[in-house]
Amino acid sequence: MLRRAGLAVILLLFSAAASLAATDLGGRWEGSINTPNGDVDLVFHFKVDGAVLTGTVETPNGIADIADGKVDGDKFSFKTHAGDSDIIHEGAVSGDTIQLKVEGPWGDTSMQLKRAPETKSGKP
């Protein structure tokens, strides 16, 4: 009986550790978004502190700060600003892949991000 309880605790700890690893959002992520003018490459730099998400998005037009970022398990959301418009992002992370829904002045679109190594320049 004690052996089974010990095994159950060990399995629970491994499951929790695997779940935390699967939802590790921090770091550099790359993807592209399809626009009427062609694909646009984007680089996301996420920083997570508890349930708060911060960071930046590198775009062809410069770097945008992440605002109002929230993390809830494997799901997250944040805003960026382009001119006078808010761009709303909602996503879910699974391992080294993120499915991201983006809502902006042009309408709704989706994209996939892949985890990428940090650059040599040490950019976050």
PDB file of N, CA and C in Angstrom:
ATOM      1  N   MET A   1       0.828  -1.190   0.000  1.00  0.00           N
ATOM      2  CA  MET A   1       0.000   0.000   0.000  1.00  0.00           C
ATOM      3  C   MET A   1       0.873   1.254   0.000  1.00  0.00           C
ATOM      4  N   LEU A   2       1.872   1.293   0.879  1.00  0.00           N
ATOM      5  CA  LEU A   2       2.771   2.442   0.961  1.00  0.00           C
ATOM      6  C   LEU A   2       3.569   2.588  -0.332  1.00  0.00           C
ATOM      7  N   ARG A   3       3.938   1.463  -0.912  1.00  0.00           N
ATOM      8  CA  ARG A   3       4.693   1.484  -2.153  1.00  0.00           C
ATOM      9  C   ARG A   3       3.843   2.090  -3.282  1.00  0.00           C
ATOM     10  N   ARG A   4       2.566   1.737  -3.336  1.00  0.00           N
ATOM     11  CA  ARG A   4       1.669   2.285  -4.357  1.00  0.00           C
ATOM     12  C   ARG A   4       1.482   3.786  -4.169  1.00  0.00           C
ATOM     13  N   ALA A   5       1.347   4.223  -2.927  1.00  0.00           N
ATOM     14  CA  ALA A   5       1.189   5.659  -2.652  1.00  0.00           C
ATOM     15  C   ALA A   5       2.443   6.409  -3.080  1.00  0.00           C
ATOM     16  N   GLY A   6       3.608   5.848  -2.797  1.00  0.00           N
ATOM     17  CA  GLY A   6       4.869   6.470  -3.204  1.00  0.00           C
ATOM     18  C   GLY A   6       4.984   6.562  -4.714  1.00  0.00           C
ATOM     19  N   LEU A   7       4.581   5.497  -5.398  1.00  0.00           N
ATOM     20  CA  LEU A   7       4.617   5.486  -6.856  1.00  0.00           C
ATOM     21  C   LEU A   7       3.650   6.527  -7.415  1.00  0.00           C
ATOM     22  N   ALA A   8       2.481   6.638  -6.814  1.00  0.00           N
ATOM     23  CA  ALA A   8       1.501   7.633  -7.268  1.00  0.00           C
ATOM     24  C   ALA A   8       2.048   9.047  -7.113  1.00  0.00           C
ATOM     25  N   VAL A   9       2.726   9.326  -6.004  1.00  0.00           N
ATOM     26  CA  VAL A   9       3.309  10.653  -5.779  1.00  0.00           C
ATOM     27  C   VAL A   9       4.398  10.935  -6.810  1.00  0.00           C
ATOM     28  N   ILE A  10       5.231   9.958  -7.085  1.00  0.00           N
ATOM     29  CA  ILE A  10       6.303  10.131  -8.069  1.00  0.00           C
ATOM     30  C   ILE A  10       5.713  10.406  -9.457  1.00  0.00           C
ATOM     31  N   LEU A  11       4.691   9.645  -9.843  1.00  0.00           N
ATOM     32  CA  LEU A  11       4.060   9.865 -11.146  1.00  0.00           C
ATOM     33  C   LEU A  11       3.417  11.243 -11.214  1.00  0.00           C
ATOM     34  N   LEU A  12       2.803  11.678 -10.126  1.00  0.00           N
ATOM     35  CA  LEU A  12       2.195  13.001 -10.080  1.00  0.00           C
ATOM     36  C   LEU A  12       3.252  14.093 -10.254  1.00  0.00           C
ATOM     37  N   LEU A  13       4.398  13.940  -9.607  1.00  0.00           N
ATOM     38  CA  LEU A  13       5.482  14.919  -9.736  1.00  0.00           C
ATOM     39  C   LEU A  13       6.024  14.966 -11.157  1.00  0.00           C
ATOM     40  N   PHE A  14       6.193  13.801 -11.785  1.00  0.00           N
ATOM     41  CA  PHE A  14       6.666  13.767 -13.166  1.00  0.00           C
ATOM     42  C   PHE A  14       5.653  14.418 -14.101  1.00  0.00           C
ATOM     43  N   SER A  15       4.371  14.165 -13.873  1.00  0.00           N
ATOM     44  CA  SER A  15       3.324  14.779 -14.694  1.00  0.00           C
ATOM     45  C   SER A  15       3.338  16.292 -14.548  1.00  0.00           C
ATOM     46  N   ALA A  16       3.491  16.771 -13.312  1.00  0.00           N
ATOM     47  CA  ALA A  16       3.535  18.216 -13.081  1.00  0.00           C
ATOM     48  C   ALA A  16       4.757  18.832 -13.751  1.00  0.00           C
ATOM     49  N   ALA A  17       5.898  18.176 -13.650  1.00  0.00           N
ATOM     50  CA  ALA A  17       7.117  18.693 -14.285  1.00  0.00           C
ATOM     51  C   ALA A  17       6.967  18.713 -15.801  1.00  0.00           C
ATOM     52  N   ALA A  18       6.379  17.670 -16.376  1.00  0.00           N
ATOM     53  CA  ALA A  18       6.167  17.633 -17.826  1.00  0.00           C
ATOM     54  C   ALA A  18       5.203  18.725 -18.247  1.00  0.00           C
ATOM     55  N   SER A  19       4.187  18.965 -17.450  1.00  0.00           N
ATOM     56  CA  SER A  19       3.221  20.018 -17.768  1.00  0.00           C
ATOM     57  C   SER A  19       3.881  21.391 -17.737  1.00  0.00           C
ATOM     58  N   LEU A  20       4.720  21.645 -16.744  1.00  0.00           N
ATOM     59  CA  LEU A  20       5.423  22.922 -16.669  1.00  0.00           C
ATOM     60  C   LEU A  20       6.356  23.100 -17.854  1.00  0.00           C
ATOM     61  N   ALA A  21       7.063  22.045 -18.233  1.00  0.00           N
ATOM     62  CA  ALA A  21       7.974  22.132 -19.373  1.00  0.00           C
ATOM     63  C   ALA A  21       7.204  22.397 -20.658  1.00  0.00           C
ATOM     64  N   ALA A  22       6.010  21.793 -20.780  1.00  0.00           N
ATOM     65  CA  ALA A  22       5.220  21.964 -21.998  1.00  0.00           C
ATOM     66  C   ALA A  22       4.704  23.383 -22.135  1.00  0.00           C
ATOM     67  N   THR A  23       4.548  24.106 -21.026  1.00  0.00           N
ATOM     68  CA  THR A  23       3.991  25.451 -21.089  1.00  0.00           C
ATOM     69  C   THR A  23       5.057  26.517 -20.876  1.00  0.00           C
ATOM     70  N   ASP A  24       6.316  26.176 -21.064  1.00  0.00           N
ATOM     71  CA  ASP A  24       7.390  27.155 -20.923  1.00  0.00           C
ATOM     72  C   ASP A  24       7.352  28.103 -22.107  1.00  0.00           C
ATOM     73  N   LEU A  25       6.869  29.307 -21.861  1.00  0.00           N
ATOM     74  CA  LEU A  25       6.643  30.280 -22.920  1.00  0.00           C
ATOM     75  C   LEU A  25       7.815  31.231 -23.114  1.00  0.00           C
ATOM     76  N   GLY A  26       8.657  31.391 -22.095  1.00  0.00           N
ATOM     77  CA  GLY A  26       9.736  32.357 -22.164  1.00  0.00           C
ATOM     78  C   GLY A  26      10.736  32.041 -23.261  1.00  0.00           C
ATOM     79  N   GLY A  27      11.294  33.093 -23.853  1.00  0.00           N
ATOM     80  CA  GLY A  27      12.329  32.914 -24.856  1.00  0.00           C
ATOM     81  C   GLY A  27      11.973  33.531 -26.192  1.00  0.00           C
ATOM     82  N   ARG A  28      12.713  33.099 -27.200  1.00  0.00           N
ATOM     83  CA  ARG A  28      12.584  33.633 -28.563  1.00  0.00           C
ATOM     84  C   ARG A  28      11.737  32.684 -29.408  1.00  0.00           C
ATOM     85  N   TRP A  29      10.773  33.254 -30.135  1.00  0.00           N
ATOM     86  CA  TRP A  29       9.876  32.497 -31.002  1.00  0.00           C
ATOM     87  C   TRP A  29       9.815  33.189 -32.362  1.00  0.00           C
ATOM     88  N   GLU A  30       9.807  32.402 -33.439  1.00  0.00           N
ATOM     89  CA  GLU A  30       9.779  32.963 -34.790  1.00  0.00           C
ATOM     90  C   GLU A  30       8.587  32.421 -35.574  1.00  0.00           C
ATOM     91  N   GLY A  31       8.067  33.274 -36.448  1.00  0.00           N
ATOM     92  CA  GLY A  31       6.982  32.862 -37.324  1.00  0.00           C
ATOM     93  C   GLY A  31       6.770  33.904 -38.398  1.00  0.00           C
ATOM     94  N   SER A  32       5.812  33.648 -39.264  1.00  0.00           N
ATOM     95  CA  SER A  32       5.470  34.633 -40.284  1.00  0.00           C
ATOM     96  C   SER A  32       3.953  34.706 -40.386  1.00  0.00           C
ATOM     97  N   ILE A  33       3.497  35.879 -40.782  1.00  0.00           N
ATOM     98  CA  ILE A  33       2.075  36.112 -40.924  1.00  0.00           C
ATOM     99  C   ILE A  33       1.800  36.459 -42.379  1.00  0.00           C
ATOM    100  N   ASN A  34       0.727  35.890 -42.916  1.00  0.00           N
ATOM    101  CA  ASN A  34       0.368  36.120 -44.310  1.00  0.00           C
ATOM    102  C   ASN A  34      -0.414  37.422 -44.412  1.00  0.00           C
ATOM    103  N   THR A  35       0.043  38.317 -45.268  1.00  0.00           N
ATOM    104  CA  THR A  35      -0.634  39.593 -45.491  1.00  0.00           C
ATOM    105  C   THR A  35      -0.932  39.737 -46.988  1.00  0.00           C
ATOM    106  N   PRO A  36      -1.770  40.689 -47.354  1.00  0.00           N
ATOM    107  CA  PRO A  36      -2.029  40.917 -48.786  1.00  0.00           C
ATOM    108  C   PRO A  36      -0.760  41.265 -49.566  1.00  0.00           C
ATOM    109  N   ASN A  37       0.259  41.770 -48.871  1.00  0.00           N
ATOM    110  CA  ASN A  37       1.519  42.127 -49.526  1.00  0.00           C
ATOM    111  C   ASN A  37       2.565  41.026 -49.422  1.00  0.00           C
ATOM    112  N   GLY A  38       2.158  39.834 -48.995  1.00  0.00           N
ATOM    113  CA  GLY A  38       3.090  38.717 -48.852  1.00  0.00           C
ATOM    114  C   GLY A  38       3.326  38.374 -47.394  1.00  0.00           C
ATOM    115  N   ASP A  39       4.148  37.367 -47.168  1.00  0.00           N
ATOM    116  CA  ASP A  39       4.452  36.931 -45.810  1.00  0.00           C
ATOM    117  C   ASP A  39       5.378  37.928 -45.122  1.00  0.00           C
ATOM    118  N   VAL A  40       5.124  38.147 -43.840  1.00  0.00           N
ATOM    119  CA  VAL A  40       5.946  39.037 -43.022  1.00  0.00           C
ATOM    120  C   VAL A  40       6.525  38.225 -41.876  1.00  0.00           C
ATOM    121  N   ASP A  41       7.858  38.206 -41.760  1.00  0.00           N
ATOM    122  CA  ASP A  41       8.528  37.490 -40.680  1.00  0.00           C
ATOM    123  C   ASP A  41       8.475  38.313 -39.396  1.00  0.00           C
ATOM    124  N   LEU A  42       8.199  37.621 -38.281  1.00  0.00           N
ATOM    125  CA  LEU A  42       8.133  38.247 -36.969  1.00  0.00           C
ATOM    126  C   LEU A  42       8.943  37.432 -35.974  1.00  0.00           C
ATOM    127  N   VAL A  43       9.543  38.110 -35.000  1.00  0.00           N
ATOM    128  CA  VAL A  43      10.268  37.445 -33.924  1.00  0.00           C
ATOM    129  C   VAL A  43       9.699  37.956 -32.601  1.00  0.00           C
ATOM    130  N   PHE A  44       9.228  37.029 -31.771  1.00  0.00           N
ATOM    131  CA  PHE A  44       8.653  37.349 -30.473  1.00  0.00           C
ATOM    132  C   PHE A  44       9.665  36.995 -29.391  1.00  0.00           C
ATOM    133  N   HIS A  45       9.849  37.903 -28.437  1.00  0.00           N
ATOM    134  CA  HIS A  45      10.704  37.671 -27.280  1.00  0.00           C
ATOM    135  C   HIS A  45       9.806  37.741 -26.056  1.00  0.00           C
ATOM    136  N   PHE A  46       9.489  36.570 -25.470  1.00  0.00           N
ATOM    137  CA  PHE A  46       8.583  36.504 -24.338  1.00  0.00           C
ATOM    138  C   PHE A  46       9.347  36.364 -23.037  1.00  0.00           C
ATOM    139  N   LYS A  47       8.859  37.078 -22.010  1.00  0.00           N
ATOM    140  CA  LYS A  47       9.362  36.954 -20.644  1.00  0.00           C
ATOM    141  C   LYS A  47       8.148  36.704 -19.756  1.00  0.00           C
ATOM    142  N   VAL A  48       8.230  35.663 -18.941  1.00  0.00           N
ATOM    143  CA  VAL A  48       7.111  35.299 -18.078  1.00  0.00           C
ATOM    144  C   VAL A  48       7.532  35.437 -16.629  1.00  0.00           C
ATOM    145  N   ASP A  49       6.700  36.116 -15.842  1.00  0.00           N
ATOM    146  CA  ASP A  49       6.891  36.236 -14.407  1.00  0.00           C
ATOM    147  C   ASP A  49       5.563  35.888 -13.754  1.00  0.00           C
ATOM    148  N   GLY A  50       5.416  34.619 -13.369  1.00  0.00           N
ATOM    149  CA  GLY A  50       4.141  34.157 -12.829  1.00  0.00           C
ATOM    150  C   GLY A  50       3.091  34.158 -13.917  1.00  0.00           C
ATOM    151  N   ALA A  51       2.039  34.958 -13.717  1.00  0.00           N
ATOM    152  CA  ALA A  51       0.951  35.038 -14.696  1.00  0.00           C
ATOM    153  C   ALA A  51       1.083  36.255 -15.607  1.00  0.00           C
ATOM    154  N   VAL A  52       2.236  36.963 -15.523  1.00  0.00           N
ATOM    155  CA  VAL A  52       2.439  38.184 -16.306  1.00  0.00           C
ATOM    156  C   VAL A  52       3.393  37.907 -17.469  1.00  0.00           C
ATOM    157  N   LEU A  53       2.957  38.300 -18.659  1.00  0.00           N
ATOM    158  CA  LEU A  53       3.757  38.151 -19.867  1.00  0.00           C
ATOM    159  C   LEU A  53       4.212  39.526 -20.342  1.00  0.00           C
ATOM    160  N   THR A  54       5.514  39.678 -20.572  1.00  0.00           N
ATOM    161  CA  THR A  54       6.074  40.902 -21.137  1.00  0.00           C
ATOM    162  C   THR A  54       7.003  40.506 -22.278  1.00  0.00           C
ATOM    163  N   GLY A  55       7.565  41.500 -22.939  1.00  0.00           N
ATOM    164  CA  GLY A  55       8.522  41.227 -24.000  1.00  0.00           C
ATOM    165  C   GLY A  55       8.342  42.166 -25.173  1.00  0.00           C
ATOM    166  N   THR A  56       8.821  41.725 -26.329  1.00  0.00           N
ATOM    167  CA  THR A  56       8.773  42.544 -27.535  1.00  0.00           C
ATOM    168  C   THR A  56       8.465  41.670 -28.749  1.00  0.00           C
ATOM    169  N   VAL A  57       8.081  42.363 -29.827  1.00  0.00           N
ATOM    170  CA  VAL A  57       7.885  41.719 -31.123  1.00  0.00           C
ATOM    171  C   VAL A  57       8.703  42.490 -32.144  1.00  0.00           C
ATOM    172  N   GLU A  58       9.611  41.803 -32.835  1.00  0.00           N
ATOM    173  CA  GLU A  58      10.386  42.421 -33.904  1.00  0.00           C
ATOM    174  C   GLU A  58       9.586  42.311 -35.191  1.00  0.00           C
ATOM    175  N   THR A  59       9.335  43.460 -35.819  1.00  0.00           N
ATOM    176  CA  THR A  59       8.600  43.515 -37.078  1.00  0.00           C
ATOM    177  C   THR A  59       9.471  44.207 -38.119  1.00  0.00           C
ATOM    178  N   PRO A  60       9.110  44.155 -39.385  1.00  0.00           N
ATOM    179  CA  PRO A  60       9.869  44.901 -40.395  1.00  0.00           C
ATOM    180  C   PRO A  60       9.837  46.412 -40.142  1.00  0.00           C
ATOM    181  N   ASN A  61       8.849  46.881 -39.376  1.00  0.00           N
ATOM    182  CA  ASN A  61       8.720  48.312 -39.081  1.00  0.00           C
ATOM    183  C   ASN A  61       9.348  48.713 -37.753  1.00  0.00           C
ATOM    184  N   GLY A  62      10.035  47.792 -37.080  1.00  0.00           N
ATOM    185  CA  GLY A  62      10.654  48.097 -35.803  1.00  0.00           C
ATOM    186  C   GLY A  62      10.211  47.130 -34.721  1.00  0.00           C
ATOM    187  N   ILE A  63      10.471  47.525 -33.486  1.00  0.00           N
ATOM    188  CA  ILE A  63      10.164  46.670 -32.334  1.00  0.00           C
ATOM    189  C   ILE A  63       8.953  47.223 -31.608  1.00  0.00           C
ATOM    190  N   ALA A  64       7.996  46.320 -31.319  1.00  0.00           N
ATOM    191  CA  ALA A  64       6.782  46.687 -30.582  1.00  0.00           C
ATOM    192  C   ALA A  64       6.824  46.028 -29.209  1.00  0.00           C
ATOM    193  N   ASP A  65       6.479  46.793 -28.188  1.00  0.00           N
ATOM    194  CA  ASP A  65       6.412  46.248 -26.838  1.00  0.00           C
ATOM    195  C   ASP A  65       5.121  45.475 -26.633  1.00  0.00           C
ATOM    196  N   ILE A  66       5.201  44.428 -25.837  1.00  0.00           N
ATOM    197  CA  ILE A  66       4.023  43.663 -25.447  1.00  0.00           C
ATOM    198  C   ILE A  66       3.381  44.361 -24.262  1.00  0.00           C
ATOM    199  N   ALA A  67       2.050  44.538 -24.305  1.00  0.00           N
ATOM    200  CA  ALA A  67       1.292  45.180 -23.230  1.00  0.00           C
ATOM    201  C   ALA A  67       0.170  44.255 -22.773  1.00  0.00           C
ATOM    202  N   ASP A  68      -0.231  44.406 -21.523  1.00  0.00           N
ATOM    203  CA  ASP A  68      -1.365  43.662 -20.958  1.00  0.00           C
ATOM    204  C   ASP A  68      -1.221  42.157 -21.136  1.00  0.00           C
ATOM    205  N   GLY A  69       0.003  41.633 -21.019  1.00  0.00           N
ATOM    206  CA  GLY A  69       0.238  40.210 -21.212  1.00  0.00           C
ATOM    207  C   GLY A  69      -0.190  39.380 -20.022  1.00  0.00           C
ATOM    208  N   LYS A  70      -0.869  38.281 -20.304  1.00  0.00           N
ATOM    209  CA  LYS A  70      -1.353  37.371 -19.264  1.00  0.00           C
ATOM    210  C   LYS A  70      -1.066  35.932 -19.675  1.00  0.00           C
ATOM    211  N   VAL A  71      -0.710  35.098 -18.690  1.00  0.00           N
ATOM    212  CA  VAL A  71      -0.474  33.678 -18.920  1.00  0.00           C
ATOM    213  C   VAL A  71      -1.389  32.901 -17.990  1.00  0.00           C
ATOM    214  N   ASP A  72      -2.069  31.896 -18.549  1.00  0.00           N
ATOM    215  CA  ASP A  72      -2.945  31.027 -17.763  1.00  0.00           C
ATOM    216  C   ASP A  72      -2.736  29.600 -18.244  1.00  0.00           C
ATOM    217  N   GLY A  73      -1.840  28.883 -17.578  1.00  0.00           N
ATOM    218  CA  GLY A  73      -1.510  27.525 -18.015  1.00  0.00           C
ATOM    219  C   GLY A  73      -0.792  27.563 -19.342  1.00  0.00           C
ATOM    220  N   ASP A  74      -1.338  26.861 -20.336  1.00  0.00           N
ATOM    221  CA  ASP A  74      -0.712  26.858 -21.665  1.00  0.00           C
ATOM    222  C   ASP A  74      -1.286  27.937 -22.578  1.00  0.00           C
ATOM    223  N   LYS A  75      -2.221  28.728 -22.071  1.00  0.00           N
ATOM    224  CA  LYS A  75      -2.834  29.803 -22.860  1.00  0.00           C
ATOM    225  C   LYS A  75      -2.282  31.158 -22.421  1.00  0.00           C
ATOM    226  N   PHE A  76      -2.247  32.098 -23.354  1.00  0.00           N
ATOM    227  CA  PHE A  76      -1.746  33.429 -23.040  1.00  0.00           C
ATOM    228  C   PHE A  76      -2.381  34.444 -23.977  1.00  0.00           C
ATOM    229  N   SER A  77      -2.285  35.721 -23.591  1.00  0.00           N
ATOM    230  CA  SER A  77      -2.795  36.806 -24.428  1.00  0.00           C
ATOM    231  C   SER A  77      -1.977  38.058 -24.170  1.00  0.00           C
ATOM    232  N   PHE A  78      -1.960  38.948 -25.157  1.00  0.00           N
ATOM    233  CA  PHE A  78      -1.289  40.230 -25.016  1.00  0.00           C
ATOM    234  C   PHE A  78      -1.712  41.148 -26.145  1.00  0.00           C
ATOM    235  N   LYS A  79      -1.327  42.416 -26.015  1.00  0.00           N
ATOM    236  CA  LYS A  79      -1.581  43.411 -27.050  1.00  0.00           C
ATOM    237  C   LYS A  79      -0.261  44.010 -27.502  1.00  0.00           C
ATOM    238  N   THR A  80      -0.246  44.445 -28.754  1.00  0.00           N
ATOM    239  CA  THR A  80       0.794  45.338 -29.249  1.00  0.00           C
ATOM    240  C   THR A  80       0.061  46.510 -29.892  1.00  0.00           C
ATOM    241  N   HIS A  81       0.809  47.554 -30.199  1.00  0.00           N
ATOM    242  CA  HIS A  81       0.189  48.740 -30.794  1.00  0.00           C
ATOM    243  C   HIS A  81       0.874  49.053 -32.117  1.00  0.00           C
ATOM    244  N   ALA A  82       0.070  49.378 -33.117  1.00  0.00           N
ATOM    245  CA  ALA A  82       0.570  49.835 -34.410  1.00  0.00           C
ATOM    246  C   ALA A  82      -0.175  51.117 -34.731  1.00  0.00           C
ATOM    247  N   GLY A  83       0.505  52.234 -34.648  1.00  0.00           N
ATOM    248  CA  GLY A  83      -0.158  53.522 -34.837  1.00  0.00           C
ATOM    249  C   GLY A  83      -1.173  53.733 -33.730  1.00  0.00           C
ATOM    250  N   ASP A  84      -2.408  53.972 -34.102  1.00  0.00           N
ATOM    251  CA  ASP A  84      -3.481  54.163 -33.125  1.00  0.00           C
ATOM    252  C   ASP A  84      -4.245  52.875 -32.845  1.00  0.00           C
ATOM    253  N   SER A  85      -3.828  51.778 -33.413  1.00  0.00           N
ATOM    254  CA  SER A  85      -4.580  50.522 -33.308  1.00  0.00           C
ATOM    255  C   SER A  85      -3.948  49.550 -32.327  1.00  0.00           C
ATOM    256  N   ASP A  86      -4.812  48.874 -31.558  1.00  0.00           N
ATOM    257  CA  ASP A  86      -4.384  47.743 -30.741  1.00  0.00           C
ATOM    258  C   ASP A  86      -4.424  46.494 -31.594  1.00  0.00           C
ATOM    259  N   ILE A  87      -3.422  45.658 -31.452  1.00  0.00           N
ATOM    260  CA  ILE A  87      -3.409  44.357 -32.105  1.00  0.00           C
ATOM    261  C   ILE A  87      -3.457  43.329 -30.982  1.00  0.00           C
ATOM    262  N   ILE A  88      -4.496  42.517 -30.980  1.00  0.00           N
ATOM    263  CA  ILE A  88      -4.741  41.565 -29.899  1.00  0.00           C
ATOM    264  C   ILE A  88      -4.239  40.187 -30.323  1.00  0.00           C
ATOM    265  N   HIS A  89      -3.476  39.558 -29.430  1.00  0.00           N
ATOM    266  CA  HIS A  89      -2.906  38.236 -29.690  1.00  0.00           C
ATOM    267  C   HIS A  89      -3.421  37.269 -28.620  1.00  0.00           C
ATOM    268  N   GLU A  90      -3.865  36.101 -29.040  1.00  0.00           N
ATOM    269  CA  GLU A  90      -4.262  35.032 -28.125  1.00  0.00           C
ATOM    270  C   GLU A  90      -3.627  33.751 -28.630  1.00  0.00           C
ATOM    271  N   GLY A  91      -2.974  33.028 -27.718  1.00  0.00           N
ATOM    272  CA  GLY A  91      -2.288  31.837 -28.170  1.00  0.00           C
ATOM    273  C   GLY A  91      -2.275  30.725 -27.157  1.00  0.00           C
ATOM    274  N   ALA A  92      -1.763  29.582 -27.613  1.00  0.00           N
ATOM    275  CA  ALA A  92      -1.566  28.411 -26.772  1.00  0.00           C
ATOM    276  C   ALA A  92      -0.231  27.791 -27.154  1.00  0.00           C
ATOM    277  N   VAL A  93       0.544  27.444 -26.134  1.00  0.00           N
ATOM    278  CA  VAL A  93       1.850  26.842 -26.359  1.00  0.00           C
ATOM    279  C   VAL A  93       1.757  25.344 -26.107  1.00  0.00           C
ATOM    280  N   SER A  94       2.423  24.579 -26.959  1.00  0.00           N
ATOM    281  CA  SER A  94       2.523  23.134 -26.801  1.00  0.00           C
ATOM    282  C   SER A  94       3.937  22.739 -27.197  1.00  0.00           C
ATOM    283  N   GLY A  95       4.764  22.485 -26.205  1.00  0.00           N
ATOM    284  CA  GLY A  95       6.161  22.144 -26.485  1.00  0.00           C
ATOM    285  C   GLY A  95       6.877  23.310 -27.133  1.00  0.00           C
ATOM    286  N   ASP A  96       7.398  23.095 -28.326  1.00  0.00           N
ATOM    287  CA  ASP A  96       8.144  24.127 -29.043  1.00  0.00           C
ATOM    288  C   ASP A  96       7.321  24.788 -30.146  1.00  0.00           C
ATOM    289  N   THR A  97       5.992  24.734 -30.022  1.00  0.00           N
ATOM    290  CA  THR A  97       5.097  25.314 -31.016  1.00  0.00           C
ATOM    291  C   THR A  97       4.033  26.160 -30.338  1.00  0.00           C
ATOM    292  N   ILE A  98       3.717  27.281 -30.942  1.00  0.00           N
ATOM    293  CA  ILE A  98       2.635  28.148 -30.476  1.00  0.00           C
ATOM    294  C   ILE A  98       1.654  28.338 -31.624  1.00  0.00           C
ATOM    295  N   GLN A  99       0.379  28.180 -31.330  1.00  0.00           N
ATOM    296  CA  GLN A  99      -0.685  28.556 -32.250  1.00  0.00           C
ATOM    297  C   GLN A  99      -1.177  29.918 -31.786  1.00  0.00           C
ATOM    298  N   LEU A 100      -1.124  30.916 -32.653  1.00  0.00           N
ATOM    299  CA  LEU A 100      -1.412  32.296 -32.278  1.00  0.00           C
ATOM    300  C   LEU A 100      -2.504  32.876 -33.166  1.00  0.00           C
ATOM    301  N   LYS A 101      -3.551  33.411 -32.541  1.00  0.00           N
ATOM    302  CA  LYS A 101      -4.614  34.122 -33.248  1.00  0.00           C
ATOM    303  C   LYS A 101      -4.342  35.607 -33.082  1.00  0.00           C
ATOM    304  N   VAL A 102      -4.388  36.350 -34.186  1.00  0.00           N
ATOM    305  CA  VAL A 102      -4.070  37.777 -34.176  1.00  0.00           C
ATOM    306  C   VAL A 102      -5.263  38.546 -34.730  1.00  0.00           C
ATOM    307  N   GLU A 103      -5.707  39.562 -33.975  1.00  0.00           N
ATOM    308  CA  GLU A 103      -6.828  40.402 -34.399  1.00  0.00           C
ATOM    309  C   GLU A 103      -6.338  41.840 -34.494  1.00  0.00           C
ATOM    310  N   GLY A 104      -6.422  42.399 -35.693  1.00  0.00           N
ATOM    311  CA  GLY A 104      -5.962  43.767 -35.914  1.00  0.00           C
ATOM    312  C   GLY A 104      -6.933  44.515 -36.804  1.00  0.00           C
ATOM    313  N   PRO A 105      -6.545  45.710 -37.228  1.00  0.00           N
ATOM    314  CA  PRO A 105      -7.427  46.514 -38.073  1.00  0.00           C
ATOM    315  C   PRO A 105      -7.765  45.827 -39.395  1.00  0.00           C
ATOM    316  N   TRP A 106      -6.964  44.892 -39.825  1.00  0.00           N
ATOM    317  CA  TRP A 106      -7.169  44.171 -41.084  1.00  0.00           C
ATOM    318  C   TRP A 106      -8.117  42.985 -40.915  1.00  0.00           C
ATOM    319  N   GLY A 107      -8.468  42.616 -39.662  1.00  0.00           N
ATOM    320  CA  GLY A 107      -9.311  41.457 -39.391  1.00  0.00           C
ATOM    321  C   GLY A 107      -8.556  40.424 -38.579  1.00  0.00           C
ATOM    322  N   ASP A 108      -9.053  39.205 -38.593  1.00  0.00           N
ATOM    323  CA  ASP A 108      -8.447  38.110 -37.834  1.00  0.00           C
ATOM    324  C   ASP A 108      -7.582  37.241 -38.734  1.00  0.00           C
ATOM    325  N   THR A 109      -6.497  36.762 -38.175  1.00  0.00           N
ATOM    326  CA  THR A 109      -5.636  35.817 -38.865  1.00  0.00           C
ATOM    327  C   THR A 109      -4.989  34.924 -37.819  1.00  0.00           C
ATOM    328  N   SER A 110      -4.333  33.886 -38.260  1.00  0.00           N
ATOM    329  CA  SER A 110      -3.635  33.013 -37.326  1.00  0.00           C
ATOM    330  C   SER A 110      -2.250  32.716 -37.874  1.00  0.00           C
ATOM    331  N   MET A 111      -1.388  32.305 -36.957  1.00  0.00           N
ATOM    332  CA  MET A 111      -0.028  31.970 -37.342  1.00  0.00           C
ATOM    333  C   MET A 111       0.531  30.946 -36.380  1.00  0.00           C
ATOM    334  N   GLN A 112       1.588  30.297 -36.792  1.00  0.00           N
ATOM    335  CA  GLN A 112       2.272  29.337 -35.941  1.00  0.00           C
ATOM    336  C   GLN A 112       3.682  29.856 -35.669  1.00  0.00           C
ATOM    337  N   LEU A 113       4.085  29.776 -34.405  1.00  0.00           N
ATOM    338  CA  LEU A 113       5.432  30.173 -34.008  1.00  0.00           C
ATOM    339  C   LEU A 113       6.216  28.941 -33.594  1.00  0.00           C
ATOM    340  N   LYS A 114       7.505  28.978 -33.836  1.00  0.00           N
ATOM    341  CA  LYS A 114       8.408  27.908 -33.416  1.00  0.00           C
ATOM    342  C   LYS A 114       9.468  28.497 -32.489  1.00  0.00           C
ATOM    343  N   ARG A 115       9.800  27.744 -31.443  1.00  0.00           N
ATOM    344  CA  ARG A 115      10.868  28.172 -30.535  1.00  0.00           C
ATOM    345  C   ARG A 115      12.163  28.275 -31.318  1.00  0.00           C
ATOM    346  N   ALA A 116      12.929  29.340 -31.046  1.00  0.00           N
ATOM    347  CA  ALA A 116      14.175  29.586 -31.772  1.00  0.00           C
ATOM    348  C   ALA A 116      15.278  29.881 -30.772  1.00  0.00           C
ATOM    349  N   PRO A 117      16.513  29.577 -31.127  1.00  0.00           N
ATOM    350  CA  PRO A 117      17.622  29.897 -30.220  1.00  0.00           C
ATOM    351  C   PRO A 117      17.819  31.405 -30.102  1.00  0.00           C
ATOM    352  N   GLU A 118      18.335  31.820 -28.969  1.00  0.00           N
ATOM    353  CA  GLU A 118      18.662  33.244 -28.780  1.00  0.00           C
ATOM    354  C   GLU A 118      19.779  33.617 -29.759  1.00  0.00           C
ATOM    355  N   THR A 119      19.822  34.866 -30.151  1.00  0.00           N
ATOM    356  CA  THR A 119      20.835  35.318 -31.090  1.00  0.00           C
ATOM    357  C   THR A 119      22.163  35.512 -30.369  1.00  0.00           C
ATOM    358  N   LYS A 120      23.232  35.586 -31.130  1.00  0.00           N
ATOM    359  CA  LYS A 120      24.562  35.780 -30.552  1.00  0.00           C
ATOM    360  C   LYS A 120      24.698  37.140 -29.892  1.00  0.00           C
ATOM    361  N   SER A 121      23.880  38.088 -30.318  1.00  0.00           N
ATOM    362  CA  SER A 121      23.981  39.445 -29.750  1.00  0.00           C
ATOM    363  C   SER A 121      23.456  39.488 -28.329  1.00  0.00           C
ATOM    364  N   GLY A 122      22.822  38.384 -27.882  1.00  0.00           N
ATOM    365  CA  GLY A 122      22.316  38.338 -26.528  1.00  0.00           C
ATOM    366  C   GLY A 122      20.977  39.005 -26.358  1.00  0.00           C
ATOM    367  N   LYS A 123      20.321  39.345 -27.479  1.00  0.00           N
ATOM    368  CA  LYS A 123      18.997  39.940 -27.373  1.00  0.00           C
ATOM    369  C   LYS A 123      18.063  38.990 -26.660  1.00  0.00           C
ATOM    370  N   PRO A 124      17.204  39.519 -25.789  1.00  0.00           N
ATOM    371  CA  PRO A 124      16.270  38.616 -25.083  1.00  0.00           C
ATOM    372  C   PRO A 124      15.213  38.084 -26.013  1.00  0.00           C
TER     373      PRO A 124
END
